[in-house]
Structures are given as structure tokens and as C-alpha cells.
Protein backbone atom coordinates (compact mmCIF):
# COMPACT_ATOMS: atom_id res chain seq x y z
CA MET A 1 -6.96 22.96 -20.11
CA GLU A 2 -5.43 19.57 -20.19
CA LEU A 3 -3.50 17.18 -17.85
CA ASN A 4 -0.23 18.39 -19.79
CA ASP A 5 -0.93 21.87 -19.10
CA LEU A 6 -1.35 21.31 -15.33
CA LEU A 7 2.40 19.42 -15.68
CA ASP A 8 3.67 22.03 -18.02
CA LYS A 9 2.52 24.64 -14.81
CA LYS A 10 4.32 22.54 -12.23
CA GLY A 11 7.53 22.48 -14.22
CA ILE A 12 6.89 18.69 -15.19
CA ASP A 13 7.97 16.92 -18.60
CA PRO A 14 4.92 15.10 -19.78
CA ARG A 15 7.12 12.84 -21.73
CA GLN A 16 8.04 11.63 -18.14
CA VAL A 17 4.50 10.74 -17.69
CA LEU A 18 2.51 8.08 -17.34
CA VAL A 19 -1.21 8.06 -16.54
CA PHE A 20 -2.94 5.14 -14.92
CA ARG A 21 -7.02 5.21 -14.96
CA HIS A 22 -7.26 1.90 -12.35
CA ARG A 23 -10.11 0.29 -13.19
CA PRO A 24 -9.88 -3.28 -11.01
CA PHE A 25 -12.31 -6.31 -12.90
CA GLU A 26 -12.68 -7.98 -9.96
CA PRO A 27 -16.31 -5.79 -8.09
CA GLU A 28 -15.16 -5.50 -4.56
CA LEU A 29 -12.11 -4.24 -5.23
CA ASN A 30 -13.69 -1.79 -7.94
CA LYS A 31 -16.11 -0.45 -5.68
CA ARG A 32 -13.54 0.43 -3.01
CA LEU A 33 -10.63 1.27 -4.15
CA GLY A 34 -11.96 4.49 -3.55
CA TRP A 35 -12.25 4.43 0.01
CA LEU A 36 -8.43 2.94 0.11
CA ALA A 37 -7.21 5.80 -1.46
CA VAL A 38 -8.63 7.94 1.41
CA ALA A 39 -8.69 5.90 4.49
CA ALA A 40 -5.48 3.32 3.17
CA PRO A 41 -3.42 5.37 0.71
CA ASP A 42 -0.64 2.55 1.35
CA VAL A 43 -2.74 -0.30 0.35
CA PHE A 44 -4.15 1.83 -2.68
CA ASN A 45 -0.32 2.57 -3.66
CA ALA A 46 0.45 -1.28 -3.14
CA TYR A 47 -1.94 -1.65 -6.12
CA GLN A 48 -0.32 0.39 -8.48
CA GLN A 49 3.29 -0.89 -7.72
CA THR A 50 3.09 -3.96 -9.40
CA GLN A 51 2.00 -4.25 -12.74
CA SER A 52 2.37 -6.43 -16.48
CA GLU A 53 5.74 -6.68 -17.96
CA LYS A 54 4.44 -3.92 -20.50
CA VAL A 55 3.67 -1.53 -17.82
CA GLU A 56 6.94 -2.21 -16.22
CA LYS A 57 9.07 -1.38 -18.51
CA ALA A 58 7.28 1.68 -19.16
CA MET A 59 7.25 2.73 -15.39
CA ALA A 60 11.29 1.57 -15.88
CA GLY A 61 11.62 4.34 -18.32
CA CYS A 62 9.36 7.23 -16.59
CA SER A 63 9.90 9.75 -13.98
CA TYR A 64 6.07 10.28 -12.73
CA VAL A 65 2.85 8.12 -12.41
CA ALA A 66 -0.23 10.04 -12.57
CA SER A 67 -3.17 8.06 -11.17
CA PHE A 68 -6.85 8.22 -11.19
CA ILE A 69 -9.38 6.11 -10.59
CA GLY A 70 -12.13 5.05 -13.46
CA HIS A 71 -15.20 7.68 -12.19
CA GLU A 72 -18.01 6.97 -15.38
CA ALA A 73 -18.07 6.21 -18.70
CA GLY A 74 -15.02 8.33 -20.50
CA LYS A 75 -13.71 9.91 -17.64
CA ALA A 76 -11.65 9.53 -14.60
CA LEU A 77 -10.89 10.79 -11.13
CA PHE A 78 -7.56 12.33 -9.98
CA VAL A 79 -6.03 10.76 -6.78
CA GLY A 80 -1.98 11.95 -7.16
CA LEU A 81 0.82 12.15 -8.73
CA TYR A 82 3.43 9.46 -7.70
CA SER A 83 7.36 10.24 -8.43
CA VAL A 84 8.58 6.75 -9.67
CA GLY A 85 11.48 5.28 -7.46
CA ALA A 86 13.96 2.15 -7.50
CA SER A 87 12.18 -1.17 -8.52
CA LYS A 88 13.32 -4.78 -6.98
CA PRO A 89 12.00 -8.01 -7.99
CA LEU A 90 9.52 -9.83 -5.78
CA THR A 91 9.22 -13.40 -6.19
CA PHE A 92 5.43 -15.14 -5.89
CA ASP A 93 6.50 -15.83 -2.14
CA GLU A 94 7.76 -12.61 -0.83
CA TYR A 95 5.41 -10.91 -3.15
CA TRP A 96 2.22 -12.53 -0.94
CA ARG A 97 4.05 -11.93 2.25
CA VAL A 98 3.81 -8.15 1.67
CA PRO A 99 0.65 -6.77 4.10
CA ALA A 100 -0.94 -4.67 1.73
CA TYR A 101 -1.34 -7.09 -0.93
CA ILE A 102 -2.62 -9.79 1.52
CA GLU A 103 -5.23 -6.56 2.45
CA LEU A 104 -6.30 -6.18 -1.32
CA LYS A 105 -6.28 -10.30 -1.82
CA LYS A 106 -9.43 -9.88 1.35
CA LEU A 107 -10.97 -7.38 -1.47
CA GLY A 108 -10.76 -10.08 -4.32
CA MET A 109 -7.41 -8.97 -5.73
CA LYS A 110 -5.95 -11.74 -7.77
CA GLY A 111 -2.73 -10.12 -7.86
CA PHE A 112 1.00 -11.99 -8.71
CA GLY A 113 -0.06 -15.40 -9.90
CA GLY A 114 3.42 -16.69 -9.97
CA GLU A 115 3.13 -16.83 -14.11
CA ARG A 116 6.81 -15.90 -14.45
CA PRO A 117 9.77 -15.83 -11.98
CA SER A 118 9.48 -12.59 -10.00
CA VAL A 119 7.38 -9.38 -10.41
CA LEU A 120 9.01 -6.00 -10.51
CA TRP A 121 7.53 -3.68 -7.35
CA PHE A 122 8.16 -0.26 -7.82
CA GLU A 123 8.87 2.39 -5.11
CA LEU A 124 6.22 5.15 -6.03
CA GLY A 125 6.33 8.22 -3.58
CA LEU A 126 2.89 11.17 -3.51
CA THR A 127 4.01 14.33 -4.35
CA ASP A 128 2.00 17.43 -3.58
CA PHE A 129 1.41 17.97 -6.90
CA TYR A 130 -2.45 19.83 -6.63
CA SER A 131 -3.32 17.40 -3.62
CA CYS A 132 -6.16 19.84 -2.98
CA TRP A 133 -7.76 18.21 -5.85
CA LYS A 134 -7.41 14.74 -4.54
CA GLY A 135 -10.93 13.45 -5.62
CA LYS A 136 -12.17 16.40 -6.94
CA LEU A 137 -10.24 16.69 -10.45
CA ILE A 138 -12.15 14.45 -13.23
CA VAL A 139 -10.65 14.81 -16.51
CA LYS A 140 -11.69 13.09 -19.78
CA TRP A 141 -10.67 10.13 -21.05
CA PRO A 142 -9.65 9.41 -24.45
CA PRO A 143 -11.06 6.23 -26.42
CA PRO A 144 -10.65 3.18 -26.11
CA GLU A 145 -11.36 3.39 -22.57
CA ARG A 146 -10.30 -0.08 -22.06
CA GLN A 147 -6.33 1.19 -22.57
CA TRP A 148 -5.86 1.84 -19.30
CA TRP A 149 -2.44 3.33 -19.17
CA ARG A 150 -1.29 6.25 -21.74
CA ARG A 151 1.90 7.93 -22.17
CA ALA A 152 0.87 12.11 -20.77
CA ASN A 153 2.57 13.52 -23.85
CA LYS A 154 1.08 11.43 -26.67
CA ASN A 155 -2.33 12.02 -25.66
CA VAL A 156 -5.03 14.99 -24.93
CA ILE A 157 -6.51 14.49 -21.70
CA PRO A 158 -8.98 17.23 -21.36
CA VAL A 159 -9.84 18.77 -17.61
CA ASP A 160 -13.86 17.94 -17.14
CA VAL A 161 -14.69 19.19 -13.98
CA ILE A 162 -13.26 20.12 -10.72
CA LEU A 163 -15.79 18.89 -7.78
CA GLN A 164 -16.30 21.16 -4.39
CA GLU A 165 -16.25 17.69 -2.63
CA SER A 166 -14.36 14.71 -3.28
CA ALA A 167 -16.14 11.75 -5.04
CA LEU A 168 -13.52 8.88 -3.62
CA GLU A 169 -16.21 9.23 -0.49
CA ASP A 170 -19.91 7.66 -1.69
CA LYS A 171 -22.45 9.07 0.02
CA MET A 172 -23.67 6.81 2.96
CA PRO A 173 -26.94 5.47 2.25
CA SER A 174 -29.99 5.06 4.69
CA TRP A 175 -29.33 3.26 7.89
CA ASP A 176 -31.79 0.75 6.74
CA GLU A 177 -29.79 0.18 3.47
CA LEU A 178 -26.12 -0.18 4.75
CA THR A 179 -24.77 -3.24 4.35
CA LEU A 180 -21.11 -3.49 5.22
CA ASN A 181 -18.75 -6.83 4.35
CA TRP A 182 -15.69 -7.27 6.95
CA THR A 183 -13.58 -6.24 4.91
CA ASP A 184 -14.96 -2.77 4.79
CA LEU A 185 -15.26 -2.15 8.50
CA GLY A 186 -11.51 -1.05 8.43
CA ILE A 187 -11.70 1.68 5.44
CA ILE A 188 -15.28 3.35 6.19
CA PRO A 189 -15.17 7.07 5.04
CA LYS A 190 -14.69 9.26 7.68
CA SER A 191 -17.90 11.17 6.67
CA TRP A 192 -19.43 7.38 7.14
CA ARG A 193 -17.43 7.00 10.59
CA ASP A 194 -18.69 9.99 12.17
CA VAL A 195 -22.52 8.60 11.36
CA LEU A 196 -21.95 5.59 12.99
CA ALA A 197 -19.95 6.95 15.85
CA GLN A 198 -23.43 8.64 16.91
CA THR A 199 -25.61 5.61 16.40
CA ARG A 200 -26.79 3.39 19.30
CA GLY A 201 -29.02 0.48 18.37
CA ILE A 202 -29.31 -2.90 17.35
CA TYR A 203 -27.48 -4.54 14.58
CA TYR A 204 -27.04 -8.25 13.02
CA ILE A 205 -23.99 -10.08 11.47
CA PHE A 206 -25.03 -12.46 8.54
CA ASP A 207 -22.57 -15.34 7.74
CA GLU A 208 -22.66 -15.84 4.17
CA SER A 209 -21.47 -19.64 4.26
CA ASP A 210 -24.62 -20.86 6.37
CA GLY A 211 -27.00 -17.85 6.52
CA LYS A 212 -26.47 -17.91 10.29
CA GLY A 213 -26.51 -14.86 12.31
CA TYR A 214 -25.71 -13.07 14.81
CA VAL A 215 -27.91 -10.55 16.89
CA GLY A 216 -25.36 -7.65 18.94
CA SER A 217 -26.10 -3.95 20.48
CA ALA A 218 -24.04 -1.15 20.33
CA TYR A 219 -24.22 1.30 22.91
CA GLY A 220 -20.69 1.92 24.41
CA GLU A 221 -18.22 4.83 23.27
CA ASP A 222 -18.53 5.58 20.03
CA ASN A 223 -21.79 3.54 19.52
CA LEU A 224 -22.16 1.50 16.19
CA LEU A 225 -18.42 2.41 15.48
CA GLY A 226 -16.82 1.50 18.41
CA ARG A 227 -18.31 -2.14 18.51
CA TRP A 228 -17.66 -2.40 14.64
CA GLN A 229 -14.60 -1.20 15.04
CA GLU A 230 -13.89 -4.51 17.17
CA TYR A 231 -14.75 -6.95 14.80
CA ALA A 232 -12.28 -5.59 12.34
CA SER A 233 -9.54 -5.60 14.42
CA SER A 234 -10.53 -9.13 15.82
CA GLY A 235 -12.78 -10.91 13.44
CA HIS A 236 -15.06 -12.11 16.44
CA GLY A 237 -15.65 -8.88 18.66
CA GLY A 238 -15.41 -11.43 21.70
CA ASN A 239 -18.26 -13.50 20.71
CA ALA A 240 -17.18 -17.26 21.27
CA LEU A 241 -19.33 -18.69 18.09
CA LEU A 242 -17.58 -16.33 16.31
CA ARG A 243 -14.67 -16.81 16.93
CA LYS A 244 -14.99 -20.74 14.99
CA ARG A 245 -15.74 -18.75 12.00
CA LYS A 246 -14.16 -16.90 8.70
CA PRO A 247 -15.18 -13.12 9.19
CA HIS A 248 -14.52 -12.93 5.17
CA ASN A 249 -17.95 -14.07 5.22
CA PHE A 250 -19.90 -11.59 7.51
CA LYS A 251 -21.94 -8.72 6.10
CA PHE A 252 -23.08 -6.21 8.51
CA SER A 253 -26.12 -4.14 9.15
CA ILE A 254 -28.69 -2.45 11.61
CA LEU A 255 -32.04 -3.74 12.14
CA GLN A 256 -33.20 -0.50 14.87
CA ARG A 257 -31.62 2.78 15.30
CA VAL A 258 -32.45 4.11 19.27
CA SER A 259 -32.20 7.37 21.21
CA PRO A 260 -28.63 8.38 21.76
CA ASP A 261 -29.50 8.87 25.65
CA MET A 262 -31.53 5.58 25.96
CA GLU A 263 -30.17 3.73 28.81
CA PRO A 264 -27.89 0.29 28.64
CA ASN A 265 -30.43 -2.11 30.03
CA GLU A 266 -33.07 -0.71 27.53
CA VAL A 267 -30.93 -1.15 24.67
CA ILE A 268 -30.34 -5.06 25.94
CA ARG A 269 -33.91 -5.26 26.61
CA LEU A 270 -34.50 -4.59 22.56
CA GLU A 271 -31.67 -6.87 21.49
CA THR A 272 -33.03 -9.82 23.38
CA LYS A 273 -36.56 -8.95 21.39
CA TRP A 274 -34.41 -8.77 18.12
CA LYS A 275 -32.91 -12.37 19.14
CA LEU A 276 -36.04 -13.93 19.86
CA ARG A 277 -37.53 -12.80 16.81
CA LEU A 278 -34.67 -13.73 14.23
CA HIS A 279 -34.19 -16.97 16.15
CA SER A 280 -30.58 -16.23 16.68
CA GLY A 281 -29.86 -18.25 19.38
CA SER A 282 -27.42 -21.26 19.08
CA PRO A 283 -27.88 -23.69 17.35
CA PHE A 284 -29.97 -21.85 14.69
CA GLY A 285 -27.84 -18.64 14.93
CA LEU A 286 -25.00 -17.54 16.11
CA ASN A 287 -25.71 -16.05 19.52
CA ASP A 288 -24.73 -18.24 22.58
CA ASN A 289 -26.87 -16.32 25.19
């Protein structure tokens, strides 16, 4: 079975379909694109709504975009089929005022650099085409692999496998191996969020800009997830010394897990011990108490 067979079964003409295999060259964006497809679909969609002039012309002449993410060598993971609607030009300033592109920039996306007067933005609407296979359908990508977009009718794209579970969300590492960037906090996979919501303990924030660190504790509602969501929202979580810093430089990790029924005063006692051990008090670190 091929991708074109799936299109035919749904009454979609392969001649009207472009196939994208997204594989960003920016490392952080490439690593998190699958997370965006699940947790921030509008941001994911924004990534594919503007393209190079050559791809713009192809999009203007088609009705659908079949969106995939590079899965491994020679394979692609299905995200969805999008209908192609109207387009409009965006200038450099207009482009960088779009919230989704601001978010993508945080993940390292270069985006529109103003090399031409404007870039075309296409309205792409997600259809229900095999939506149950999002993150599960894997196809074989025909060579050359670096050619990331194709016309469906001119290529044979075989179905490789249909997984039981979505592969868009990575398996969560062990708590003592987990490290998240500040930009990750807003797009953490649901399965990870469920674990963090049940985990209380001591965490560490490392500022890559100068190597200083902050020790904190989480024992309230939603435990670590709840505390880290505060940082995702504000960038500083209410901490005075963190307010003066750029959260894009922060990395979050867990120093110690504790029992879910440990009393708050005992958690705070452990937090104090970690502050002393890591010398995280000002001026050597970022704790001000």
C-alpha cells in the first residue's frame, strides 16, 4: 500500500497533493517539532505555512499538503493532511509580529530573513484524513532523502508500518536524566506532564549564560509540573534574582524526588540542604534566601 492509495480511497487526487517531510536544520527545533505537532499544533502549522519561493509556487498550484516529520533515515512520520487555502504576503516586520514565529524563534528557527520584500503565508486547514493515524503512520521516503518535498502523483511513497502508539512524543527519560529548556516547559508531552504532576521534590535551574544556579522545591498543587508551569508563564516564578535574567538560558532538572505525602516543612528542609551543598545562595548562586 502506498500514500497515493490512501489518498485515492478518500477521493483525493494525488495530483493536487504536495508531500512535506519536515526536518529542520536547527537542532532544538528538529528535536521538538513532534512535541509541537501535539501540544502546539498552531505553532507547528505556522512552521509550514511559509516556504521558499519555489515551494510557494508549488503550494499555490495544489489543494493539499500531506505533512510528515523526518522519523529516521529514509522514513517519515505522519502528522496530518492540510487543505491549502488563500495566501497573503507578509513583510519582514509583519512576519516577526506573528506570535507563532516568535515561539519558533525561541526554538532556534531562523525564519524569514528579509532576503526578499515579502514571503507568502498560506492558510492551511487540518482535515480529518486518517486523523487516527497521527504520529502512528510511517512511510518510506524515496531517495534522495534531502529532497524534503514531493508531488504525490510523481512519487511512490510506500506505507511502512502503522504503530499502536504515537511516536510524536518521546519516551520520558528517568527523572535523574531529565533536563528541559525553558522553551520546553510549554510543550511537554502529556504523558510527561502526568508524571511530573505526581512528582514532588527538589529541582535545579541552571543559567547557561554564567553557570549560576537556583535550587527550588515543589510540593503544592500539581507538584513539579505546577511549579515549572509558573516558570513557563512568567520566566521567573516570582524569584527576585531570576527576574533579572533571560529565561531562554535556563535548564531545569530534578535533584531529588520525595514521597508524595512528605510534609512541606520536611521538603523545605531538604531544599535548604541542597542550597548549602550547591552553594546556590547569592552572590555565588541565584537563591536570595
